[in-house]
Amino acid sequence: MEWLISLDTHLFLVINGMHTDLWDGIMWWVSGKTTWWPFYLLLLGFMGWKKKWQLVWMILFIILVIAVTDQTSVHLFKNVVRRLRPCHEPSLEGMVHLVNNKCGGMFGFISSHAANAFGVALLALLWIRLRWFAAVMVVWGLLIAYSRVYLGVHYPGDVLAGGLWGVFCGWLIYRLFQWSLRLLPQNWRITGSTDFPNRTA
């Protein structure tokens, strides 16, 4: 465990230390709460185009996965593990580069940003099984996760665990979604293959 913590801290200092004024602005933007609204609207628009009115049912489960990942990341992990964020860690005082002097809450394991992003990403790509779409969702999740380390508010381990937890929650919510389909009329049910198709669009 000690060597894992040491490795995590070393990787954090490497990533957080590779900062410039330009990337400070970019990563702050990437990590912003309102930054991705245009992306979300495009995502919903594309899903609506593919699934038509079924999007309404899917939106309910997107909201559910966000609520689950957000709340569990705090109450099952942050408040239980109580691992200090690097920007609150006394042994790293003076070594952490913060952007706009923003650190966040006291505890950082696991990253709620990463859990939320990867929960939504998995749910979306299980619905829209296209390779390019999967790549877009994965890159989006990785970009958000990386920004949290760059900004000095999470260790790499925080975002890795958050991403894995988000994937797990996304899978559970998807299974619940599949079960819930029996509540819908037969002609409302959302269909899809179990594997990615050979085409790209």
N, C-alpha and C. Protein backbone atom coordinates (compact mmCIF):
# COMPACT_ATOMS: atom_id res chain seq x y z
N MET A 1 0.82 -1.21 0.00
CA MET A 1 0.00 0.00 0.00
C MET A 1 0.86 1.26 0.00
N GLU A 2 1.95 1.22 0.76
CA GLU A 2 2.82 2.39 0.84
C GLU A 2 3.40 2.77 -0.53
N TRP A 3 3.83 1.75 -1.28
CA TRP A 3 4.42 2.05 -2.59
C TRP A 3 3.37 2.54 -3.58
N LEU A 4 2.12 2.08 -3.42
CA LEU A 4 1.05 2.58 -4.28
C LEU A 4 0.77 4.05 -4.00
N ILE A 5 0.73 4.39 -2.71
CA ILE A 5 0.51 5.79 -2.33
C ILE A 5 1.66 6.66 -2.82
N SER A 6 2.88 6.14 -2.68
CA SER A 6 4.06 6.87 -3.14
C SER A 6 4.03 7.08 -4.65
N LEU A 7 3.65 6.03 -5.39
CA LEU A 7 3.55 6.13 -6.85
C LEU A 7 2.47 7.12 -7.25
N ASP A 8 1.33 7.04 -6.57
CA ASP A 8 0.21 7.94 -6.85
C ASP A 8 0.63 9.39 -6.63
N THR A 9 1.34 9.64 -5.54
CA THR A 9 1.80 11.00 -5.24
C THR A 9 2.81 11.47 -6.27
N HIS A 10 3.72 10.58 -6.67
CA HIS A 10 4.72 10.94 -7.68
C HIS A 10 4.06 11.29 -9.01
N LEU A 11 3.11 10.46 -9.45
CA LEU A 11 2.41 10.73 -10.71
C LEU A 11 1.64 12.05 -10.63
N PHE A 12 1.04 12.28 -9.47
CA PHE A 12 0.32 13.54 -9.29
C PHE A 12 1.26 14.73 -9.47
N LEU A 13 2.41 14.69 -8.81
CA LEU A 13 3.35 15.82 -8.88
C LEU A 13 3.87 16.02 -10.30
N VAL A 14 4.05 14.93 -11.04
CA VAL A 14 4.50 15.04 -12.44
C VAL A 14 3.44 15.74 -13.28
N ILE A 15 2.19 15.25 -13.18
CA ILE A 15 1.10 15.81 -14.00
C ILE A 15 0.80 17.25 -13.58
N ASN A 16 0.66 17.46 -12.28
CA ASN A 16 0.35 18.79 -11.77
C ASN A 16 1.48 19.77 -12.02
N GLY A 17 2.71 19.25 -12.11
CA GLY A 17 3.85 20.12 -12.32
C GLY A 17 4.04 20.56 -13.75
N MET A 18 3.37 19.90 -14.70
CA MET A 18 3.50 20.26 -16.12
C MET A 18 2.45 21.31 -16.49
N HIS A 19 2.56 22.46 -15.85
CA HIS A 19 1.54 23.50 -16.06
C HIS A 19 2.11 24.71 -16.78
N THR A 20 1.25 25.35 -17.53
CA THR A 20 1.55 26.62 -18.19
C THR A 20 0.32 27.50 -18.04
N ASP A 21 0.47 28.77 -18.30
CA ASP A 21 -0.68 29.68 -18.21
C ASP A 21 -1.77 29.27 -19.19
N LEU A 22 -1.35 28.84 -20.39
CA LEU A 22 -2.33 28.43 -21.41
C LEU A 22 -3.12 27.22 -20.94
N TRP A 23 -2.40 26.19 -20.46
CA TRP A 23 -3.08 24.97 -20.03
C TRP A 23 -3.86 25.16 -18.75
N ASP A 24 -3.44 26.09 -17.92
CA ASP A 24 -4.24 26.42 -16.74
C ASP A 24 -5.64 26.84 -17.16
N GLY A 25 -5.71 27.71 -18.15
CA GLY A 25 -7.01 28.18 -18.63
C GLY A 25 -7.82 27.07 -19.27
N ILE A 26 -7.15 26.24 -20.06
CA ILE A 26 -7.85 25.15 -20.75
C ILE A 26 -8.40 24.13 -19.76
N MET A 27 -7.56 23.72 -18.81
CA MET A 27 -7.99 22.71 -17.85
C MET A 27 -9.05 23.24 -16.90
N TRP A 28 -8.98 24.52 -16.57
CA TRP A 28 -10.03 25.13 -15.75
C TRP A 28 -11.35 25.10 -16.50
N TRP A 29 -11.28 25.38 -17.79
CA TRP A 29 -12.49 25.35 -18.63
C TRP A 29 -13.02 23.93 -18.74
N VAL A 30 -12.13 22.95 -18.96
CA VAL A 30 -12.55 21.55 -19.10
C VAL A 30 -13.27 21.07 -17.84
N SER A 31 -12.80 21.50 -16.69
CA SER A 31 -13.34 21.04 -15.41
C SER A 31 -14.55 21.83 -14.94
N GLY A 32 -14.93 22.86 -15.68
CA GLY A 32 -16.04 23.71 -15.26
C GLY A 32 -17.38 23.02 -15.30
N LYS A 33 -18.28 23.40 -14.43
CA LYS A 33 -19.60 22.77 -14.34
C LYS A 33 -20.50 23.12 -15.52
N THR A 34 -20.33 24.32 -16.10
CA THR A 34 -21.20 24.73 -17.19
C THR A 34 -20.55 24.58 -18.56
N THR A 35 -19.30 24.18 -18.59
CA THR A 35 -18.55 24.09 -19.85
C THR A 35 -19.20 23.19 -20.87
N TRP A 36 -19.70 22.04 -20.40
CA TRP A 36 -20.10 20.97 -21.30
C TRP A 36 -21.56 20.98 -21.70
N TRP A 37 -22.28 22.05 -21.36
CA TRP A 37 -23.70 22.07 -21.73
C TRP A 37 -23.92 21.96 -23.24
N PRO A 38 -23.14 22.64 -24.08
CA PRO A 38 -23.30 22.43 -25.53
C PRO A 38 -23.07 20.98 -25.93
N PHE A 39 -22.06 20.35 -25.32
CA PHE A 39 -21.79 18.93 -25.61
C PHE A 39 -22.97 18.07 -25.18
N TYR A 40 -23.52 18.35 -23.99
CA TYR A 40 -24.65 17.57 -23.51
C TYR A 40 -25.85 17.71 -24.45
N LEU A 41 -26.08 18.92 -24.93
CA LEU A 41 -27.20 19.13 -25.84
C LEU A 41 -26.99 18.39 -27.16
N LEU A 42 -25.74 18.41 -27.66
CA LEU A 42 -25.43 17.64 -28.87
C LEU A 42 -25.60 16.15 -28.62
N LEU A 43 -25.16 15.69 -27.45
CA LEU A 43 -25.29 14.28 -27.10
C LEU A 43 -26.76 13.87 -27.07
N LEU A 44 -27.58 14.66 -26.39
CA LEU A 44 -29.00 14.35 -26.33
C LEU A 44 -29.66 14.44 -27.70
N GLY A 45 -29.22 15.43 -28.48
CA GLY A 45 -29.77 15.57 -29.83
C GLY A 45 -29.44 14.36 -30.69
N PHE A 46 -28.21 13.88 -30.61
CA PHE A 46 -27.81 12.71 -31.39
C PHE A 46 -28.56 11.47 -30.92
N MET A 47 -28.66 11.31 -29.61
CA MET A 47 -29.38 10.16 -29.08
C MET A 47 -30.86 10.22 -29.46
N GLY A 48 -31.42 11.44 -29.45
CA GLY A 48 -32.80 11.59 -29.86
C GLY A 48 -33.00 11.26 -31.33
N TRP A 49 -32.02 11.64 -32.15
CA TRP A 49 -32.08 11.34 -33.58
C TRP A 49 -32.02 9.83 -33.83
N LYS A 50 -31.22 9.13 -33.00
CA LYS A 50 -31.09 7.69 -33.16
C LYS A 50 -32.27 6.93 -32.55
N LYS A 51 -32.77 7.42 -31.40
CA LYS A 51 -33.78 6.68 -30.65
C LYS A 51 -35.15 7.33 -30.64
N LYS A 52 -35.25 8.51 -31.26
CA LYS A 52 -36.52 9.24 -31.36
C LYS A 52 -37.10 9.53 -29.97
N TRP A 53 -38.41 9.34 -29.80
CA TRP A 53 -39.09 9.69 -28.55
C TRP A 53 -38.61 8.87 -27.36
N GLN A 54 -37.91 7.77 -27.63
CA GLN A 54 -37.40 6.94 -26.54
C GLN A 54 -36.38 7.68 -25.69
N LEU A 55 -35.89 8.82 -26.21
CA LEU A 55 -34.92 9.63 -25.47
C LEU A 55 -35.46 10.04 -24.10
N VAL A 56 -36.77 10.27 -24.00
CA VAL A 56 -37.36 10.71 -22.73
C VAL A 56 -37.09 9.67 -21.64
N TRP A 57 -37.28 8.40 -21.97
CA TRP A 57 -37.04 7.31 -21.01
C TRP A 57 -35.56 7.24 -20.65
N MET A 58 -34.71 7.47 -21.64
CA MET A 58 -33.27 7.39 -21.43
C MET A 58 -32.77 8.53 -20.55
N ILE A 59 -33.35 9.72 -20.71
CA ILE A 59 -32.95 10.87 -19.90
C ILE A 59 -33.18 10.59 -18.42
N LEU A 60 -34.26 9.91 -18.09
CA LEU A 60 -34.54 9.57 -16.69
C LEU A 60 -33.41 8.73 -16.10
N PHE A 61 -32.84 7.84 -16.89
CA PHE A 61 -31.78 6.98 -16.39
C PHE A 61 -30.43 7.69 -16.39
N ILE A 62 -30.26 8.67 -17.26
CA ILE A 62 -29.06 9.51 -17.20
C ILE A 62 -29.06 10.30 -15.90
N ILE A 63 -30.20 10.87 -15.56
CA ILE A 63 -30.33 11.60 -14.30
C ILE A 63 -30.07 10.67 -13.13
N LEU A 64 -30.58 9.44 -13.22
CA LEU A 64 -30.41 8.47 -12.14
C LEU A 64 -28.94 8.10 -11.95
N VAL A 65 -28.22 7.86 -13.05
CA VAL A 65 -26.82 7.46 -12.91
C VAL A 65 -25.97 8.59 -12.35
N ILE A 66 -26.29 9.83 -12.72
CA ILE A 66 -25.57 10.98 -12.16
C ILE A 66 -25.83 11.10 -10.67
N ALA A 67 -27.09 10.93 -10.28
CA ALA A 67 -27.44 11.02 -8.86
C ALA A 67 -26.74 9.92 -8.06
N VAL A 68 -26.72 8.71 -8.60
CA VAL A 68 -26.10 7.58 -7.89
C VAL A 68 -24.60 7.78 -7.76
N THR A 69 -23.92 8.09 -8.87
CA THR A 69 -22.47 8.25 -8.81
C THR A 69 -22.07 9.43 -7.95
N ASP A 70 -22.83 10.51 -8.03
CA ASP A 70 -22.49 11.71 -7.27
C ASP A 70 -22.64 11.48 -5.77
N GLN A 71 -23.75 10.87 -5.37
CA GLN A 71 -24.01 10.68 -3.95
C GLN A 71 -23.13 9.58 -3.35
N THR A 72 -22.96 8.49 -4.07
CA THR A 72 -22.15 7.40 -3.53
C THR A 72 -20.68 7.77 -3.47
N SER A 73 -20.20 8.58 -4.40
CA SER A 73 -18.79 8.97 -4.36
C SER A 73 -18.48 9.77 -3.12
N VAL A 74 -19.48 10.48 -2.61
CA VAL A 74 -19.30 11.27 -1.38
C VAL A 74 -19.54 10.42 -0.14
N HIS A 75 -20.70 9.77 -0.07
CA HIS A 75 -21.11 9.11 1.18
C HIS A 75 -20.51 7.72 1.37
N LEU A 76 -20.16 7.03 0.30
CA LEU A 76 -19.56 5.71 0.43
C LEU A 76 -18.03 5.75 0.39
N PHE A 77 -17.49 6.84 -0.16
CA PHE A 77 -16.03 6.89 -0.33
C PHE A 77 -15.40 8.09 0.37
N LYS A 78 -15.69 9.31 -0.08
CA LYS A 78 -15.03 10.48 0.50
C LYS A 78 -15.18 10.54 2.02
N ASN A 79 -16.40 10.37 2.50
CA ASN A 79 -16.65 10.51 3.93
C ASN A 79 -16.25 9.28 4.74
N VAL A 80 -15.90 8.19 4.05
CA VAL A 80 -15.48 6.96 4.72
C VAL A 80 -13.96 6.82 4.68
N VAL A 81 -13.38 6.92 3.48
CA VAL A 81 -11.93 6.80 3.31
C VAL A 81 -11.21 8.01 3.89
N ARG A 82 -11.78 9.20 3.66
CA ARG A 82 -11.26 10.45 4.21
C ARG A 82 -9.79 10.70 3.80
N ARG A 83 -9.51 10.47 2.55
CA ARG A 83 -8.17 10.77 2.04
C ARG A 83 -8.11 12.24 1.63
N LEU A 84 -7.19 12.96 2.18
CA LEU A 84 -7.08 14.39 1.89
C LEU A 84 -6.78 14.62 0.41
N ARG A 85 -7.37 15.67 -0.13
CA ARG A 85 -6.98 16.09 -1.47
C ARG A 85 -5.52 16.51 -1.42
N PRO A 86 -4.81 16.39 -2.54
CA PRO A 86 -3.39 16.80 -2.53
C PRO A 86 -3.21 18.26 -2.14
N CYS A 87 -4.17 19.10 -2.50
CA CYS A 87 -4.07 20.52 -2.17
C CYS A 87 -4.34 20.79 -0.69
N HIS A 88 -4.80 19.77 0.05
CA HIS A 88 -5.00 19.88 1.49
C HIS A 88 -3.97 19.06 2.28
N GLU A 89 -3.12 18.34 1.58
CA GLU A 89 -2.15 17.46 2.22
C GLU A 89 -0.97 18.26 2.77
N PRO A 90 -0.77 18.24 4.10
CA PRO A 90 0.32 19.03 4.71
C PRO A 90 1.70 18.69 4.15
N SER A 91 1.95 17.42 3.83
CA SER A 91 3.28 17.03 3.35
C SER A 91 3.57 17.56 1.95
N LEU A 92 2.53 18.03 1.25
CA LEU A 92 2.71 18.58 -0.10
C LEU A 92 2.58 20.10 -0.12
N GLU A 93 2.55 20.70 1.03
CA GLU A 93 2.39 22.15 1.10
C GLU A 93 3.51 22.85 0.33
N GLY A 94 3.13 23.76 -0.53
CA GLY A 94 4.08 24.49 -1.35
C GLY A 94 4.49 23.78 -2.61
N MET A 95 4.00 22.54 -2.82
CA MET A 95 4.37 21.75 -4.00
C MET A 95 3.24 21.60 -5.00
N VAL A 96 2.03 21.98 -4.60
CA VAL A 96 0.86 21.79 -5.45
C VAL A 96 0.52 23.08 -6.18
N HIS A 97 0.38 22.97 -7.50
CA HIS A 97 -0.01 24.12 -8.31
C HIS A 97 -1.53 24.16 -8.40
N LEU A 98 -2.13 25.21 -7.85
CA LEU A 98 -3.58 25.40 -7.92
C LEU A 98 -3.91 26.48 -8.92
N VAL A 99 -5.01 26.30 -9.63
CA VAL A 99 -5.49 27.28 -10.58
C VAL A 99 -6.62 28.07 -9.93
N ASN A 100 -6.50 29.39 -9.95
CA ASN A 100 -7.49 30.27 -9.34
C ASN A 100 -7.70 29.97 -7.85
N ASN A 101 -6.67 29.39 -7.23
CA ASN A 101 -6.68 29.11 -5.80
C ASN A 101 -7.88 28.27 -5.37
N LYS A 102 -8.33 27.40 -6.25
CA LYS A 102 -9.50 26.56 -5.98
C LYS A 102 -9.06 25.15 -5.62
N CYS A 103 -9.42 24.70 -4.42
CA CYS A 103 -9.03 23.37 -3.98
C CYS A 103 -10.22 22.42 -3.83
N GLY A 104 -11.33 22.90 -3.35
CA GLY A 104 -12.49 22.03 -3.16
C GLY A 104 -12.58 21.52 -1.74
N GLY A 105 -13.44 20.53 -1.53
CA GLY A 105 -13.64 19.97 -0.20
C GLY A 105 -12.40 19.30 0.35
N MET A 106 -12.45 18.89 1.60
CA MET A 106 -11.27 18.36 2.27
C MET A 106 -10.82 17.02 1.69
N PHE A 107 -11.77 16.16 1.34
CA PHE A 107 -11.41 14.79 0.94
C PHE A 107 -11.61 14.59 -0.57
N GLY A 108 -10.76 13.73 -1.16
CA GLY A 108 -10.77 13.60 -2.60
C GLY A 108 -10.96 12.21 -3.16
N PHE A 109 -10.99 11.17 -2.33
CA PHE A 109 -11.15 9.81 -2.84
C PHE A 109 -12.58 9.33 -2.58
N ILE A 110 -13.34 9.16 -3.66
CA ILE A 110 -12.97 9.13 -5.08
C ILE A 110 -13.42 10.43 -5.76
N SER A 111 -12.99 10.62 -7.01
CA SER A 111 -13.38 11.80 -7.75
C SER A 111 -14.82 11.70 -8.24
N SER A 112 -15.65 12.63 -7.78
CA SER A 112 -17.05 12.66 -8.23
C SER A 112 -17.14 13.03 -9.71
N HIS A 113 -16.27 13.94 -10.15
CA HIS A 113 -16.26 14.32 -11.57
C HIS A 113 -16.03 13.09 -12.45
N ALA A 114 -15.02 12.29 -12.10
CA ALA A 114 -14.70 11.11 -12.90
C ALA A 114 -15.83 10.08 -12.83
N ALA A 115 -16.38 9.88 -11.65
CA ALA A 115 -17.47 8.91 -11.49
C ALA A 115 -18.69 9.32 -12.31
N ASN A 116 -19.05 10.59 -12.24
CA ASN A 116 -20.20 11.07 -13.01
C ASN A 116 -19.97 10.91 -14.51
N ALA A 117 -18.79 11.34 -14.97
CA ALA A 117 -18.50 11.32 -16.41
C ALA A 117 -18.50 9.90 -16.95
N PHE A 118 -17.84 8.98 -16.27
CA PHE A 118 -17.75 7.62 -16.79
C PHE A 118 -19.05 6.84 -16.60
N GLY A 119 -19.84 7.21 -15.60
CA GLY A 119 -21.16 6.61 -15.47
C GLY A 119 -22.05 6.96 -16.64
N VAL A 120 -22.08 8.24 -16.99
CA VAL A 120 -22.86 8.70 -18.14
C VAL A 120 -22.29 8.14 -19.44
N ALA A 121 -20.96 8.14 -19.56
CA ALA A 121 -20.32 7.65 -20.79
C ALA A 121 -20.68 6.20 -21.06
N LEU A 122 -20.60 5.34 -20.03
CA LEU A 122 -20.92 3.94 -20.25
C LEU A 122 -22.38 3.75 -20.63
N LEU A 123 -23.26 4.45 -19.92
CA LEU A 123 -24.68 4.34 -20.21
C LEU A 123 -24.97 4.75 -21.65
N ALA A 124 -24.37 5.86 -22.08
CA ALA A 124 -24.61 6.35 -23.43
C ALA A 124 -24.09 5.39 -24.50
N LEU A 125 -22.89 4.87 -24.30
CA LEU A 125 -22.33 4.01 -25.34
C LEU A 125 -22.96 2.61 -25.35
N LEU A 126 -23.61 2.22 -24.24
CA LEU A 126 -24.37 0.97 -24.27
C LEU A 126 -25.67 1.15 -25.05
N TRP A 127 -26.15 2.38 -25.11
CA TRP A 127 -27.34 2.68 -25.90
C TRP A 127 -26.99 2.91 -27.38
N ILE A 128 -25.93 3.65 -27.62
CA ILE A 128 -25.53 3.98 -28.98
C ILE A 128 -24.23 3.23 -29.27
N ARG A 129 -24.35 2.05 -29.85
CA ARG A 129 -23.20 1.16 -29.99
C ARG A 129 -22.49 1.38 -31.31
N LEU A 130 -21.79 2.51 -31.37
CA LEU A 130 -20.98 2.85 -32.52
C LEU A 130 -19.56 3.12 -32.04
N ARG A 131 -18.57 2.64 -32.78
CA ARG A 131 -17.19 2.75 -32.33
C ARG A 131 -16.75 4.20 -32.17
N TRP A 132 -17.07 5.05 -33.13
CA TRP A 132 -16.64 6.45 -33.04
C TRP A 132 -17.31 7.14 -31.87
N PHE A 133 -18.57 6.78 -31.60
CA PHE A 133 -19.29 7.37 -30.48
C PHE A 133 -18.66 6.94 -29.16
N ALA A 134 -18.29 5.66 -29.07
CA ALA A 134 -17.62 5.16 -27.87
C ALA A 134 -16.31 5.91 -27.64
N ALA A 135 -15.56 6.15 -28.73
CA ALA A 135 -14.29 6.86 -28.61
C ALA A 135 -14.50 8.28 -28.09
N VAL A 136 -15.53 8.95 -28.59
CA VAL A 136 -15.84 10.32 -28.15
C VAL A 136 -16.15 10.33 -26.65
N MET A 137 -16.97 9.39 -26.20
CA MET A 137 -17.37 9.37 -24.80
C MET A 137 -16.18 9.04 -23.88
N VAL A 138 -15.32 8.12 -24.33
CA VAL A 138 -14.15 7.76 -23.51
C VAL A 138 -13.18 8.94 -23.43
N VAL A 139 -12.93 9.60 -24.55
CA VAL A 139 -12.02 10.75 -24.56
C VAL A 139 -12.58 11.86 -23.67
N TRP A 140 -13.87 12.09 -23.73
CA TRP A 140 -14.52 13.10 -22.88
C TRP A 140 -14.29 12.77 -21.40
N GLY A 141 -14.51 11.52 -21.02
CA GLY A 141 -14.31 11.13 -19.63
C GLY A 141 -12.86 11.26 -19.19
N LEU A 142 -11.94 10.84 -20.05
CA LEU A 142 -10.51 10.93 -19.72
C LEU A 142 -10.05 12.37 -19.60
N LEU A 143 -10.58 13.23 -20.45
CA LEU A 143 -10.21 14.65 -20.40
C LEU A 143 -10.63 15.29 -19.09
N ILE A 144 -11.85 14.98 -18.65
CA ILE A 144 -12.33 15.51 -17.38
C ILE A 144 -11.49 14.96 -16.22
N ALA A 145 -11.20 13.66 -16.26
CA ALA A 145 -10.41 13.03 -15.20
C ALA A 145 -9.01 13.66 -15.14
N TYR A 146 -8.38 13.84 -16.29
CA TYR A 146 -7.04 14.42 -16.33
C TYR A 146 -7.03 15.84 -15.78
N SER A 147 -8.08 16.60 -16.10
CA SER A 147 -8.14 17.99 -15.66
C SER A 147 -8.16 18.10 -14.14
N ARG A 148 -8.75 17.11 -13.47
CA ARG A 148 -8.84 17.16 -12.02
C ARG A 148 -7.47 16.98 -11.37
N VAL A 149 -6.64 16.15 -12.00
CA VAL A 149 -5.27 15.97 -11.49
C VAL A 149 -4.44 17.20 -11.82
N TYR A 150 -4.56 17.69 -13.05
CA TYR A 150 -3.81 18.88 -13.46
C TYR A 150 -4.09 20.05 -12.54
N LEU A 151 -5.36 20.21 -12.16
CA LEU A 151 -5.75 21.36 -11.33
C LEU A 151 -5.34 21.20 -9.86
N GLY A 152 -4.79 20.05 -9.51
CA GLY A 152 -4.27 19.86 -8.15
C GLY A 152 -5.29 19.44 -7.12
N VAL A 153 -6.48 19.02 -7.55
CA VAL A 153 -7.53 18.70 -6.58
C VAL A 153 -7.73 17.20 -6.40
N HIS A 154 -7.06 16.38 -7.22
CA HIS A 154 -7.17 14.93 -7.08
C HIS A 154 -5.86 14.26 -7.44
N TYR A 155 -5.60 13.13 -6.80
CA TYR A 155 -4.52 12.25 -7.20
C TYR A 155 -4.99 11.42 -8.40
N PRO A 156 -4.06 10.88 -9.19
CA PRO A 156 -4.46 9.96 -10.28
C PRO A 156 -5.30 8.79 -9.77
N GLY A 157 -4.96 8.28 -8.58
CA GLY A 157 -5.73 7.18 -8.02
C GLY A 157 -7.17 7.55 -7.73
N ASP A 158 -7.40 8.82 -7.37
CA ASP A 158 -8.76 9.29 -7.11
C ASP A 158 -9.62 9.22 -8.37
N VAL A 159 -9.05 9.68 -9.49
CA VAL A 159 -9.83 9.70 -10.73
C VAL A 159 -9.93 8.31 -11.34
N LEU A 160 -8.89 7.49 -11.17
CA LEU A 160 -8.97 6.11 -11.66
C LEU A 160 -10.07 5.34 -10.93
N ALA A 161 -10.07 5.43 -9.61
CA ALA A 161 -11.10 4.75 -8.83
C ALA A 161 -12.48 5.34 -9.12
N GLY A 162 -12.54 6.66 -9.29
CA GLY A 162 -13.81 7.29 -9.62
C GLY A 162 -14.34 6.83 -10.96
N GLY A 163 -13.44 6.72 -11.95
CA GLY A 163 -13.86 6.25 -13.26
C GLY A 163 -14.37 4.82 -13.22
N LEU A 164 -13.66 3.95 -12.50
CA LEU A 164 -14.08 2.55 -12.38
C LEU A 164 -15.42 2.44 -11.65
N TRP A 165 -15.59 3.25 -10.61
CA TRP A 165 -16.87 3.24 -9.89
C TRP A 165 -17.98 3.75 -10.80
N GLY A 166 -17.70 4.76 -11.59
CA GLY A 166 -18.70 5.27 -12.52
C GLY A 166 -19.11 4.22 -13.54
N VAL A 167 -18.13 3.48 -14.06
CA VAL A 167 -18.42 2.40 -15.01
C VAL A 167 -19.29 1.33 -14.36
N PHE A 168 -18.95 0.97 -13.13
CA PHE A 168 -19.75 -0.03 -12.41
C PHE A 168 -21.18 0.45 -12.21
N CYS A 169 -21.33 1.69 -11.75
CA CYS A 169 -22.68 2.24 -11.54
C CYS A 169 -23.43 2.34 -12.86
N GLY A 170 -22.73 2.76 -13.91
CA GLY A 170 -23.36 2.85 -15.23
C GLY A 170 -23.88 1.51 -15.69
N TRP A 171 -23.09 0.46 -15.45
CA TRP A 171 -23.52 -0.89 -15.84
C TRP A 171 -24.75 -1.32 -15.03
N LEU A 172 -24.74 -1.04 -13.72
CA LEU A 172 -25.90 -1.39 -12.88
C LEU A 172 -27.16 -0.66 -13.34
N ILE A 173 -27.00 0.64 -13.63
CA ILE A 173 -28.16 1.42 -14.06
C ILE A 173 -28.65 0.92 -15.42
N TYR A 174 -27.73 0.51 -16.27
CA TYR A 174 -28.13 -0.04 -17.57
C TYR A 174 -28.93 -1.33 -17.40
N ARG A 175 -28.49 -2.18 -16.46
CA ARG A 175 -29.24 -3.41 -16.19
C ARG A 175 -30.64 -3.07 -15.66
N LEU A 176 -30.72 -2.07 -14.80
CA LEU A 176 -32.02 -1.62 -14.30
C LEU A 176 -32.87 -1.08 -15.44
N PHE A 177 -32.22 -0.36 -16.35
CA PHE A 177 -32.91 0.16 -17.53
C PHE A 177 -33.49 -0.99 -18.35
N GLN A 178 -32.69 -2.02 -18.59
CA GLN A 178 -33.17 -3.17 -19.36
C GLN A 178 -34.37 -3.82 -18.67
N TRP A 179 -34.27 -3.96 -17.35
CA TRP A 179 -35.39 -4.55 -16.61
C TRP A 179 -36.64 -3.67 -16.71
N SER A 180 -36.44 -2.36 -16.69
CA SER A 180 -37.58 -1.44 -16.70
C SER A 180 -38.32 -1.44 -18.03
N LEU A 181 -37.69 -1.95 -19.08
CA LEU A 181 -38.33 -1.94 -20.38
C LEU A 181 -39.63 -2.74 -20.40
N ARG A 182 -39.72 -3.71 -19.49
CA ARG A 182 -40.95 -4.51 -19.45
C ARG A 182 -42.15 -3.68 -19.02
N LEU A 183 -41.88 -2.51 -18.42
CA LEU A 183 -42.98 -1.63 -18.00
C LEU A 183 -43.54 -0.83 -19.15
N LEU A 184 -42.80 -0.80 -20.27
CA LEU A 184 -43.22 -0.02 -21.43
C LEU A 184 -44.02 -0.88 -22.40
N PRO A 185 -44.89 -0.25 -23.19
CA PRO A 185 -45.56 -0.99 -24.26
C PRO A 185 -44.53 -1.59 -25.20
N GLN A 186 -44.88 -2.70 -25.84
CA GLN A 186 -43.94 -3.43 -26.69
C GLN A 186 -43.33 -2.53 -27.77
N ASN A 187 -44.14 -1.67 -28.38
CA ASN A 187 -43.62 -0.84 -29.48
C ASN A 187 -42.82 0.36 -29.00
N TRP A 188 -42.69 0.53 -27.69
CA TRP A 188 -41.87 1.61 -27.13
C TRP A 188 -40.46 1.13 -26.80
N ARG A 189 -40.27 -0.16 -26.78
CA ARG A 189 -39.03 -0.70 -26.23
C ARG A 189 -37.85 -0.41 -27.14
N ILE A 190 -36.73 -0.11 -26.48
CA ILE A 190 -35.51 0.25 -27.18
C ILE A 190 -34.72 -1.00 -27.50
N THR A 191 -34.38 -1.18 -28.74
CA THR A 191 -33.66 -2.37 -29.15
C THR A 191 -32.23 -2.03 -29.47
N GLY A 192 -31.39 -3.02 -29.49
CA GLY A 192 -29.98 -2.80 -29.83
C GLY A 192 -29.24 -4.12 -29.78
N SER A 193 -28.17 -4.23 -30.55
CA SER A 193 -27.39 -5.45 -30.57
C SER A 193 -26.50 -5.52 -29.34
N THR A 194 -25.97 -6.69 -29.08
CA THR A 194 -25.10 -6.87 -27.93
C THR A 194 -23.65 -6.58 -28.25
N ASP A 195 -23.33 -6.38 -29.51
CA ASP A 195 -21.97 -6.08 -29.93
C ASP A 195 -21.95 -4.85 -30.81
N PHE A 196 -20.79 -4.24 -30.92
CA PHE A 196 -20.66 -3.11 -31.82
C PHE A 196 -20.84 -3.60 -33.25
N PRO A 197 -21.61 -2.86 -34.06
CA PRO A 197 -21.78 -3.26 -35.45
C PRO A 197 -20.48 -3.03 -36.23
N ASN A 198 -20.41 -3.64 -37.38
CA ASN A 198 -19.20 -3.51 -38.20
C ASN A 198 -19.12 -2.15 -38.90
N ARG A 199 -20.25 -1.47 -39.01
CA ARG A 199 -20.21 -0.16 -39.65
C ARG A 199 -19.81 0.91 -38.66
N THR A 200 -19.54 2.10 -39.15
CA THR A 200 -19.08 3.20 -38.29
C THR A 200 -20.10 4.30 -38.18
N ALA A 201 -21.25 4.15 -38.75
CA ALA A 201 -22.29 5.18 -38.65
C ALA A 201 -23.65 4.53 -38.76
